[in-house]
Amino acid sequence: MKKIKFNSSKLIILFFVAFIIVGAANVLFSDRKMNTSEYLLSENQKDVVSRSETQPKIPFGALVNSKLKDNGSISLTAKIKYQGEEKEEIKVVEDALLDYQITNQENDQVIIPYSSQVPSTEKRVSKDDIIEGDTLTTEQLKTGVYQIEVKVPIIIKDKEEVFVFRIPVEL
């Protein structure tokens, strides 16, 4: 019987093969629904900050803070940070900066559809400015598993860019 010797190149190849197999297994078992929130919004974790699933090629970043309230409703607050050097003028969704949709994960039924908010409020931003939207509160949700999809659209130089967030919720 021949002995297998492991040198550094074989270990690197083995690591990448294992990495690909684990990634493929995650995709297969995810049911094609990927959440971008690092934490599940639930009774145990009532306050979650989510990063955007999409990052447009613009000098802006966005976060959404979601909080589970005692009555089963959820508050959503969006923040946009400008990271460019020069002053810029953008358009954002009035007041809250965001639009959201809630889907029941058990039957893929849309509980609350998007309200089709369009960026119309002009804002001037300079380096490191943070724009914080008003807090929106959803309707009270019944016990179940949901996914909140949040869009934070902005218009910069007459082109609309959208930050998308997916937040898993379990009540």
N, C-alpha and C. Protein backbone atom coordinates (compact mmCIF):
# COMPACT_ATOMS: atom_id res chain seq x y z
N MET A 1 0.84 -1.18 0.00
CA MET A 1 0.00 0.00 0.00
C MET A 1 0.88 1.24 0.00
N LYS A 2 0.51 2.20 -0.86
CA LYS A 2 1.32 3.40 -1.02
C LYS A 2 0.91 4.45 0.01
N LYS A 3 1.89 5.07 0.63
CA LYS A 3 1.63 6.12 1.61
C LYS A 3 1.45 7.45 0.89
N ILE A 4 0.45 8.24 1.32
CA ILE A 4 0.22 9.56 0.73
C ILE A 4 0.95 10.59 1.58
N LYS A 5 1.78 11.37 0.94
CA LYS A 5 2.50 12.42 1.66
C LYS A 5 1.80 13.75 1.40
N PHE A 6 1.55 14.48 2.45
CA PHE A 6 0.91 15.79 2.34
C PHE A 6 1.96 16.89 2.41
N ASN A 7 2.10 17.60 1.33
CA ASN A 7 2.96 18.78 1.36
C ASN A 7 2.05 20.01 1.32
N SER A 8 2.62 21.18 1.31
CA SER A 8 1.82 22.41 1.41
C SER A 8 0.91 22.61 0.21
N SER A 9 1.33 22.25 -0.98
CA SER A 9 0.47 22.46 -2.16
C SER A 9 -0.74 21.53 -2.14
N LYS A 10 -0.55 20.28 -1.67
CA LYS A 10 -1.69 19.36 -1.56
C LYS A 10 -2.68 19.82 -0.49
N LEU A 11 -2.17 20.38 0.59
CA LEU A 11 -3.06 20.88 1.65
C LEU A 11 -3.87 22.07 1.17
N ILE A 12 -3.26 22.94 0.39
CA ILE A 12 -3.98 24.11 -0.16
C ILE A 12 -5.08 23.65 -1.10
N ILE A 13 -4.77 22.70 -1.97
CA ILE A 13 -5.77 22.17 -2.90
C ILE A 13 -6.90 21.49 -2.13
N LEU A 14 -6.57 20.72 -1.13
CA LEU A 14 -7.58 20.05 -0.30
C LEU A 14 -8.48 21.08 0.40
N PHE A 15 -7.89 22.15 0.89
CA PHE A 15 -8.66 23.20 1.55
C PHE A 15 -9.68 23.81 0.57
N PHE A 16 -9.23 24.15 -0.65
CA PHE A 16 -10.12 24.75 -1.63
C PHE A 16 -11.23 23.80 -2.06
N VAL A 17 -10.92 22.52 -2.19
CA VAL A 17 -11.95 21.53 -2.55
C VAL A 17 -13.00 21.46 -1.43
N ALA A 18 -12.56 21.42 -0.19
CA ALA A 18 -13.49 21.39 0.94
C ALA A 18 -14.32 22.66 0.99
N PHE A 19 -13.71 23.80 0.72
CA PHE A 19 -14.41 25.09 0.72
C PHE A 19 -15.51 25.10 -0.34
N ILE A 20 -15.21 24.59 -1.53
CA ILE A 20 -16.20 24.55 -2.62
C ILE A 20 -17.34 23.60 -2.27
N ILE A 21 -17.04 22.47 -1.68
CA ILE A 21 -18.09 21.51 -1.30
C ILE A 21 -19.01 22.10 -0.24
N VAL A 22 -18.45 22.74 0.76
CA VAL A 22 -19.27 23.37 1.80
C VAL A 22 -20.13 24.49 1.21
N GLY A 23 -19.57 25.30 0.32
CA GLY A 23 -20.34 26.37 -0.32
C GLY A 23 -21.48 25.82 -1.16
N ALA A 24 -21.22 24.76 -1.90
CA ALA A 24 -22.26 24.14 -2.72
C ALA A 24 -23.37 23.56 -1.84
N ALA A 25 -22.99 22.95 -0.74
CA ALA A 25 -24.00 22.40 0.18
C ALA A 25 -24.87 23.52 0.76
N ASN A 26 -24.27 24.65 1.10
CA ASN A 26 -25.05 25.78 1.61
C ASN A 26 -26.05 26.29 0.59
N VAL A 27 -25.64 26.39 -0.66
CA VAL A 27 -26.54 26.85 -1.72
C VAL A 27 -27.68 25.85 -1.92
N LEU A 28 -27.35 24.56 -1.93
CA LEU A 28 -28.38 23.54 -2.13
C LEU A 28 -29.42 23.53 -1.02
N PHE A 29 -28.99 23.72 0.21
CA PHE A 29 -29.91 23.63 1.34
C PHE A 29 -30.52 24.98 1.74
N SER A 30 -30.19 26.06 1.03
CA SER A 30 -30.72 27.38 1.39
C SER A 30 -32.10 27.63 0.81
N ASP A 31 -32.60 26.74 -0.03
CA ASP A 31 -33.91 26.90 -0.67
C ASP A 31 -33.93 28.16 -1.52
N ARG A 32 -32.77 28.55 -2.08
CA ARG A 32 -32.61 29.72 -2.96
C ARG A 32 -33.01 31.02 -2.29
N LYS A 33 -33.07 31.07 -0.99
CA LYS A 33 -33.39 32.31 -0.28
C LYS A 33 -32.23 32.61 0.66
N MET A 34 -31.49 33.64 0.33
CA MET A 34 -30.33 33.99 1.14
C MET A 34 -30.66 35.23 1.95
N ASN A 35 -30.40 35.18 3.24
CA ASN A 35 -30.60 36.33 4.10
C ASN A 35 -29.28 37.06 4.25
N THR A 36 -29.34 38.39 4.18
CA THR A 36 -28.11 39.14 4.30
C THR A 36 -27.89 39.63 5.72
N SER A 37 -28.89 39.46 6.56
CA SER A 37 -28.72 39.85 7.94
C SER A 37 -27.88 38.77 8.64
N GLU A 38 -26.98 39.20 9.48
CA GLU A 38 -26.14 38.23 10.16
C GLU A 38 -26.88 37.54 11.30
N TYR A 39 -27.97 38.13 11.75
CA TYR A 39 -28.71 37.58 12.87
C TYR A 39 -30.18 37.47 12.54
N LEU A 40 -30.85 36.53 13.18
CA LEU A 40 -32.28 36.35 13.05
C LEU A 40 -32.98 37.30 14.02
N LEU A 41 -33.92 38.09 13.53
CA LEU A 41 -34.71 38.97 14.39
C LEU A 41 -35.75 38.11 15.07
N SER A 42 -35.67 37.97 16.39
CA SER A 42 -36.56 37.08 17.13
C SER A 42 -36.71 37.58 18.56
N GLU A 43 -37.42 36.81 19.36
CA GLU A 43 -37.60 37.17 20.78
C GLU A 43 -36.26 37.21 21.51
N ASN A 44 -35.30 36.40 21.07
CA ASN A 44 -33.98 36.36 21.71
C ASN A 44 -33.06 37.46 21.21
N GLN A 45 -33.29 37.94 20.00
CA GLN A 45 -32.46 38.98 19.38
C GLN A 45 -33.40 40.04 18.81
N LYS A 46 -33.74 41.04 19.63
CA LYS A 46 -34.76 42.02 19.25
C LYS A 46 -34.22 43.23 18.50
N ASP A 47 -32.91 43.34 18.35
CA ASP A 47 -32.32 44.49 17.68
C ASP A 47 -31.22 43.98 16.75
N VAL A 48 -31.41 44.20 15.42
CA VAL A 48 -30.47 43.67 14.43
C VAL A 48 -30.09 44.78 13.45
N VAL A 49 -28.80 44.89 13.16
CA VAL A 49 -28.31 45.82 12.13
C VAL A 49 -27.88 44.97 10.94
N SER A 50 -28.40 45.30 9.75
CA SER A 50 -28.12 44.51 8.54
C SER A 50 -27.28 45.30 7.56
N ARG A 51 -26.39 44.59 6.87
CA ARG A 51 -25.60 45.17 5.79
C ARG A 51 -26.31 44.91 4.47
N SER A 52 -26.04 45.74 3.51
CA SER A 52 -26.68 45.61 2.20
C SER A 52 -26.17 44.38 1.45
N GLU A 53 -27.13 43.71 0.81
CA GLU A 53 -26.80 42.57 -0.04
C GLU A 53 -26.14 43.05 -1.33
N THR A 54 -26.56 44.22 -1.79
CA THR A 54 -25.98 44.80 -3.00
C THR A 54 -25.15 46.02 -2.62
N GLN A 55 -24.07 46.22 -3.31
CA GLN A 55 -23.24 47.41 -3.09
C GLN A 55 -23.00 48.06 -4.44
N PRO A 56 -23.86 49.02 -4.80
CA PRO A 56 -23.65 49.72 -6.08
C PRO A 56 -22.28 50.38 -6.10
N LYS A 57 -21.76 50.60 -7.29
CA LYS A 57 -20.43 51.20 -7.45
C LYS A 57 -20.52 52.72 -7.32
N ILE A 58 -20.93 53.16 -6.15
CA ILE A 58 -21.05 54.58 -5.83
C ILE A 58 -20.42 54.79 -4.47
N PRO A 59 -20.03 56.02 -4.13
CA PRO A 59 -19.35 56.25 -2.85
C PRO A 59 -20.32 56.39 -1.67
N PHE A 60 -21.27 55.46 -1.57
CA PHE A 60 -22.24 55.47 -0.48
C PHE A 60 -22.29 54.08 0.14
N GLY A 61 -22.63 54.04 1.41
CA GLY A 61 -22.89 52.79 2.11
C GLY A 61 -24.23 52.92 2.81
N ALA A 62 -24.87 51.80 3.11
CA ALA A 62 -26.18 51.84 3.76
C ALA A 62 -26.30 50.72 4.79
N LEU A 63 -27.04 51.01 5.85
CA LEU A 63 -27.37 50.04 6.89
C LEU A 63 -28.86 50.15 7.21
N VAL A 64 -29.44 49.05 7.67
CA VAL A 64 -30.82 49.09 8.16
C VAL A 64 -30.82 48.48 9.56
N ASN A 65 -31.41 49.21 10.50
CA ASN A 65 -31.56 48.74 11.87
C ASN A 65 -33.01 48.30 12.04
N SER A 66 -33.22 47.05 12.42
CA SER A 66 -34.57 46.54 12.64
C SER A 66 -34.71 46.13 14.11
N LYS A 67 -35.85 46.52 14.68
CA LYS A 67 -36.11 46.21 16.09
C LYS A 67 -37.48 45.58 16.23
N LEU A 68 -37.53 44.47 16.94
CA LEU A 68 -38.78 43.77 17.21
C LEU A 68 -39.41 44.40 18.45
N LYS A 69 -40.65 44.86 18.29
CA LYS A 69 -41.35 45.47 19.42
C LYS A 69 -42.16 44.41 20.15
N ASP A 70 -42.57 44.72 21.37
CA ASP A 70 -43.30 43.76 22.20
C ASP A 70 -44.65 43.36 21.60
N ASN A 71 -45.25 44.21 20.79
CA ASN A 71 -46.57 43.89 20.22
C ASN A 71 -46.47 43.10 18.92
N GLY A 72 -45.28 42.72 18.48
CA GLY A 72 -45.11 41.92 17.27
C GLY A 72 -44.89 42.75 16.01
N SER A 73 -44.83 44.07 16.15
CA SER A 73 -44.50 44.92 15.00
C SER A 73 -42.98 45.11 14.96
N ILE A 74 -42.50 45.60 13.83
CA ILE A 74 -41.05 45.77 13.65
C ILE A 74 -40.78 47.19 13.20
N SER A 75 -39.81 47.83 13.83
CA SER A 75 -39.41 49.18 13.40
C SER A 75 -38.17 49.06 12.53
N LEU A 76 -38.16 49.84 11.45
CA LEU A 76 -37.05 49.82 10.48
C LEU A 76 -36.50 51.23 10.33
N THR A 77 -35.19 51.37 10.45
CA THR A 77 -34.52 52.66 10.29
C THR A 77 -33.33 52.49 9.34
N ALA A 78 -33.28 53.32 8.30
CA ALA A 78 -32.18 53.24 7.34
C ALA A 78 -31.21 54.39 7.56
N LYS A 79 -29.93 54.11 7.30
CA LYS A 79 -28.88 55.13 7.34
C LYS A 79 -28.04 55.01 6.08
N ILE A 80 -27.72 56.15 5.50
CA ILE A 80 -26.86 56.20 4.32
C ILE A 80 -25.64 57.05 4.68
N LYS A 81 -24.45 56.54 4.35
CA LYS A 81 -23.22 57.30 4.61
C LYS A 81 -22.52 57.60 3.30
N TYR A 82 -22.16 58.87 3.15
CA TYR A 82 -21.42 59.30 1.95
C TYR A 82 -19.93 59.19 2.24
N GLN A 83 -19.20 58.53 1.35
CA GLN A 83 -17.77 58.31 1.55
C GLN A 83 -16.92 58.95 0.46
N GLY A 84 -17.53 59.80 -0.34
CA GLY A 84 -16.80 60.46 -1.41
C GLY A 84 -16.05 61.68 -0.92
N GLU A 85 -15.30 62.29 -1.79
CA GLU A 85 -14.47 63.44 -1.45
C GLU A 85 -15.17 64.78 -1.73
N GLU A 86 -15.88 64.86 -2.84
CA GLU A 86 -16.51 66.11 -3.25
C GLU A 86 -17.96 66.17 -2.80
N LYS A 87 -18.50 67.38 -2.68
CA LYS A 87 -19.90 67.52 -2.34
C LYS A 87 -20.75 66.93 -3.45
N GLU A 88 -21.86 66.32 -3.08
CA GLU A 88 -22.70 65.62 -4.04
C GLU A 88 -24.16 65.92 -3.72
N GLU A 89 -24.99 65.88 -4.74
CA GLU A 89 -26.42 66.06 -4.55
C GLU A 89 -27.11 64.77 -4.97
N ILE A 90 -27.96 64.25 -4.08
CA ILE A 90 -28.67 62.99 -4.36
C ILE A 90 -30.15 63.18 -4.07
N LYS A 91 -30.94 62.23 -4.51
CA LYS A 91 -32.36 62.19 -4.17
C LYS A 91 -32.60 60.90 -3.41
N VAL A 92 -33.38 61.01 -2.33
CA VAL A 92 -33.71 59.85 -1.50
C VAL A 92 -35.22 59.79 -1.30
N VAL A 93 -35.69 58.64 -0.80
CA VAL A 93 -37.10 58.49 -0.48
C VAL A 93 -37.42 59.42 0.68
N GLU A 94 -38.50 60.15 0.55
CA GLU A 94 -38.88 61.14 1.55
C GLU A 94 -39.03 60.51 2.93
N ASP A 95 -38.54 61.16 3.93
CA ASP A 95 -38.63 60.82 5.35
C ASP A 95 -37.87 59.56 5.75
N ALA A 96 -38.32 58.37 5.34
CA ALA A 96 -37.76 57.13 5.87
C ALA A 96 -36.57 56.59 5.11
N LEU A 97 -36.33 57.02 3.90
CA LEU A 97 -35.24 56.57 3.03
C LEU A 97 -35.45 55.16 2.49
N LEU A 98 -36.49 54.44 2.92
CA LEU A 98 -36.60 53.03 2.55
C LEU A 98 -38.01 52.65 2.11
N ASP A 99 -38.09 51.45 1.52
CA ASP A 99 -39.35 50.81 1.15
C ASP A 99 -39.17 49.35 1.54
N TYR A 100 -40.22 48.68 1.98
CA TYR A 100 -40.06 47.30 2.43
C TYR A 100 -41.22 46.42 2.00
N GLN A 101 -40.95 45.11 2.02
CA GLN A 101 -41.95 44.09 1.73
C GLN A 101 -41.75 42.97 2.73
N ILE A 102 -42.85 42.39 3.24
CA ILE A 102 -42.75 41.29 4.18
C ILE A 102 -43.39 40.05 3.56
N THR A 103 -42.64 38.94 3.57
CA THR A 103 -43.10 37.68 3.00
C THR A 103 -43.14 36.62 4.08
N ASN A 104 -44.23 35.82 4.09
CA ASN A 104 -44.32 34.67 4.98
C ASN A 104 -43.45 33.58 4.39
N GLN A 105 -42.45 33.12 5.12
CA GLN A 105 -41.49 32.13 4.61
C GLN A 105 -42.12 30.75 4.44
N GLU A 106 -43.18 30.45 5.20
CA GLU A 106 -43.75 29.11 5.14
C GLU A 106 -44.50 28.85 3.84
N ASN A 107 -45.13 29.90 3.28
CA ASN A 107 -45.91 29.69 2.05
C ASN A 107 -45.55 30.70 0.94
N ASP A 108 -44.49 31.46 1.12
CA ASP A 108 -44.03 32.47 0.14
C ASP A 108 -45.10 33.50 -0.21
N GLN A 109 -46.02 33.74 0.69
CA GLN A 109 -47.08 34.73 0.46
C GLN A 109 -46.60 36.10 0.93
N VAL A 110 -46.80 37.11 0.07
CA VAL A 110 -46.43 38.47 0.42
C VAL A 110 -47.50 39.02 1.37
N ILE A 111 -47.09 39.33 2.59
CA ILE A 111 -48.02 39.84 3.61
C ILE A 111 -48.20 41.34 3.43
N ILE A 112 -47.10 42.06 3.28
CA ILE A 112 -47.12 43.51 3.06
C ILE A 112 -46.27 43.79 1.82
N PRO A 113 -46.89 44.26 0.72
CA PRO A 113 -46.12 44.52 -0.50
C PRO A 113 -45.38 45.86 -0.42
N TYR A 114 -44.44 46.05 -1.35
CA TYR A 114 -43.76 47.33 -1.46
C TYR A 114 -44.78 48.43 -1.73
N SER A 115 -44.51 49.62 -1.22
CA SER A 115 -45.41 50.75 -1.47
C SER A 115 -44.92 51.58 -2.65
N SER A 116 -43.89 51.12 -3.31
CA SER A 116 -43.32 51.77 -4.51
C SER A 116 -42.90 53.22 -4.27
N GLN A 117 -42.15 53.42 -3.21
CA GLN A 117 -41.61 54.74 -2.91
C GLN A 117 -40.54 55.10 -3.94
N VAL A 118 -40.57 56.34 -4.42
CA VAL A 118 -39.61 56.82 -5.40
C VAL A 118 -38.75 57.92 -4.77
N PRO A 119 -37.44 57.88 -4.96
CA PRO A 119 -36.59 58.95 -4.42
C PRO A 119 -36.98 60.30 -5.03
N SER A 120 -37.35 61.25 -4.17
CA SER A 120 -37.78 62.56 -4.67
C SER A 120 -37.24 63.72 -3.84
N THR A 121 -36.76 63.43 -2.64
CA THR A 121 -36.25 64.47 -1.76
C THR A 121 -34.76 64.69 -2.01
N GLU A 122 -34.39 65.92 -2.33
CA GLU A 122 -32.98 66.21 -2.62
C GLU A 122 -32.21 66.46 -1.32
N LYS A 123 -31.01 65.93 -1.29
CA LYS A 123 -30.10 66.13 -0.15
C LYS A 123 -28.72 66.45 -0.69
N ARG A 124 -28.03 67.38 -0.03
CA ARG A 124 -26.63 67.68 -0.36
C ARG A 124 -25.77 67.01 0.71
N VAL A 125 -24.76 66.30 0.24
CA VAL A 125 -23.89 65.59 1.18
C VAL A 125 -22.44 65.95 0.90
N SER A 126 -21.65 65.93 1.96
CA SER A 126 -20.22 66.10 1.82
C SER A 126 -19.54 64.95 2.57
N LYS A 127 -18.23 64.91 2.53
CA LYS A 127 -17.48 63.78 3.05
C LYS A 127 -17.93 63.35 4.45
N ASP A 128 -18.16 62.05 4.61
CA ASP A 128 -18.53 61.40 5.87
C ASP A 128 -19.89 61.83 6.42
N ASP A 129 -20.75 62.46 5.62
CA ASP A 129 -22.10 62.79 6.08
C ASP A 129 -22.91 61.51 6.22
N ILE A 130 -23.76 61.47 7.24
CA ILE A 130 -24.68 60.35 7.45
C ILE A 130 -26.09 60.89 7.41
N ILE A 131 -26.91 60.28 6.55
CA ILE A 131 -28.32 60.65 6.48
C ILE A 131 -29.10 59.54 7.16
N GLU A 132 -29.88 59.88 8.18
CA GLU A 132 -30.68 58.88 8.88
C GLU A 132 -32.15 59.15 8.59
N GLY A 133 -32.85 58.11 8.17
CA GLY A 133 -34.27 58.23 7.86
C GLY A 133 -35.12 58.11 9.11
N ASP A 134 -36.38 58.53 8.97
CA ASP A 134 -37.33 58.34 10.04
C ASP A 134 -37.59 56.84 10.22
N THR A 135 -38.02 56.46 11.40
CA THR A 135 -38.31 55.06 11.68
C THR A 135 -39.71 54.70 11.19
N LEU A 136 -39.79 53.63 10.41
CA LEU A 136 -41.08 53.10 9.97
C LEU A 136 -41.42 51.90 10.84
N THR A 137 -42.69 51.77 11.21
CA THR A 137 -43.13 50.62 12.00
C THR A 137 -44.13 49.81 11.19
N THR A 138 -43.88 48.51 11.10
CA THR A 138 -44.75 47.62 10.34
C THR A 138 -46.03 47.34 11.13
N GLU A 139 -46.96 46.67 10.45
CA GLU A 139 -48.14 46.18 11.14
C GLU A 139 -47.72 45.09 12.10
N GLN A 140 -48.60 44.77 13.03
CA GLN A 140 -48.33 43.70 13.97
C GLN A 140 -48.38 42.37 13.22
N LEU A 141 -47.36 41.54 13.40
CA LEU A 141 -47.28 40.25 12.72
C LEU A 141 -47.69 39.13 13.66
N LYS A 142 -48.33 38.10 13.10
CA LYS A 142 -48.71 36.92 13.88
C LYS A 142 -47.50 36.02 14.04
N THR A 143 -47.62 35.01 14.88
CA THR A 143 -46.55 34.05 15.08
C THR A 143 -46.23 33.36 13.77
N GLY A 144 -44.96 33.27 13.44
CA GLY A 144 -44.54 32.63 12.19
C GLY A 144 -43.12 33.02 11.82
N VAL A 145 -42.72 32.62 10.61
CA VAL A 145 -41.38 32.91 10.09
C VAL A 145 -41.56 33.80 8.87
N TYR A 146 -40.89 34.94 8.87
CA TYR A 146 -41.04 35.94 7.81
C TYR A 146 -39.67 36.35 7.28
N GLN A 147 -39.70 37.00 6.13
CA GLN A 147 -38.51 37.65 5.61
C GLN A 147 -38.91 39.07 5.21
N ILE A 148 -38.17 40.04 5.72
CA ILE A 148 -38.40 41.43 5.34
C ILE A 148 -37.35 41.78 4.30
N GLU A 149 -37.81 42.25 3.16
CA GLU A 149 -36.90 42.71 2.13
C GLU A 149 -37.00 44.23 2.11
N VAL A 150 -35.90 44.89 2.36
CA VAL A 150 -35.86 46.34 2.43
C VAL A 150 -35.04 46.88 1.27
N LYS A 151 -35.57 47.91 0.61
CA LYS A 151 -34.83 48.58 -0.45
C LYS A 151 -34.58 50.02 -0.02
N VAL A 152 -33.35 50.47 -0.22
CA VAL A 152 -32.99 51.86 0.05
C VAL A 152 -32.51 52.44 -1.28
N PRO A 153 -33.43 53.04 -2.04
CA PRO A 153 -33.03 53.59 -3.35
C PRO A 153 -32.52 55.02 -3.23
N ILE A 154 -31.52 55.36 -4.03
CA ILE A 154 -31.06 56.75 -4.13
C ILE A 154 -30.82 57.06 -5.61
N ILE A 155 -30.98 58.31 -5.94
CA ILE A 155 -30.68 58.75 -7.31
C ILE A 155 -29.48 59.67 -7.22
N ILE A 156 -28.43 59.30 -7.96
CA ILE A 156 -27.22 60.09 -8.00
C ILE A 156 -26.86 60.29 -9.48
N LYS A 157 -26.69 61.54 -9.86
CA LYS A 157 -26.39 61.89 -11.26
C LYS A 157 -27.40 61.26 -12.23
N ASP A 158 -28.68 61.42 -11.89
CA ASP A 158 -29.80 60.94 -12.71
C ASP A 158 -29.84 59.43 -12.91
N LYS A 159 -29.15 58.68 -12.07
CA LYS A 159 -29.17 57.22 -12.16
C LYS A 159 -29.60 56.65 -10.80
N GLU A 160 -30.60 55.75 -10.83
CA GLU A 160 -31.08 55.17 -9.58
C GLU A 160 -30.22 53.97 -9.20
N GLU A 161 -29.80 53.95 -7.95
CA GLU A 161 -29.06 52.84 -7.37
C GLU A 161 -29.84 52.35 -6.17
N VAL A 162 -29.81 51.03 -5.91
CA VAL A 162 -30.63 50.47 -4.84
C VAL A 162 -29.78 49.57 -3.94
N PHE A 163 -29.88 49.79 -2.65
CA PHE A 163 -29.30 48.90 -1.65
C PHE A 163 -30.43 47.95 -1.22
N VAL A 164 -30.17 46.65 -1.21
CA VAL A 164 -31.19 45.66 -0.87
C VAL A 164 -30.75 44.90 0.38
N PHE A 165 -31.69 44.72 1.31
CA PHE A 165 -31.44 44.00 2.56
C PHE A 165 -32.49 42.91 2.71
N ARG A 166 -32.10 41.76 3.26
CA ARG A 166 -33.06 40.71 3.59
C ARG A 166 -32.86 40.35 5.05
N ILE A 167 -33.95 40.47 5.81
CA ILE A 167 -33.87 40.26 7.25
C ILE A 167 -34.80 39.14 7.65
N PRO A 168 -34.28 38.02 8.18
CA PRO A 168 -35.14 36.93 8.63
C PRO A 168 -35.77 37.27 9.98
N VAL A 169 -37.05 36.93 10.13
CA VAL A 169 -37.78 37.22 11.36
C VAL A 169 -38.50 35.96 11.82
N GLU A 170 -38.41 35.69 13.11
CA GLU A 170 -39.14 34.54 13.68
C GLU A 170 -39.88 35.01 14.93
N LEU A 171 -41.19 34.86 14.89
CA LEU A 171 -42.01 35.26 16.04
C LEU A 171 -42.64 34.04 16.69
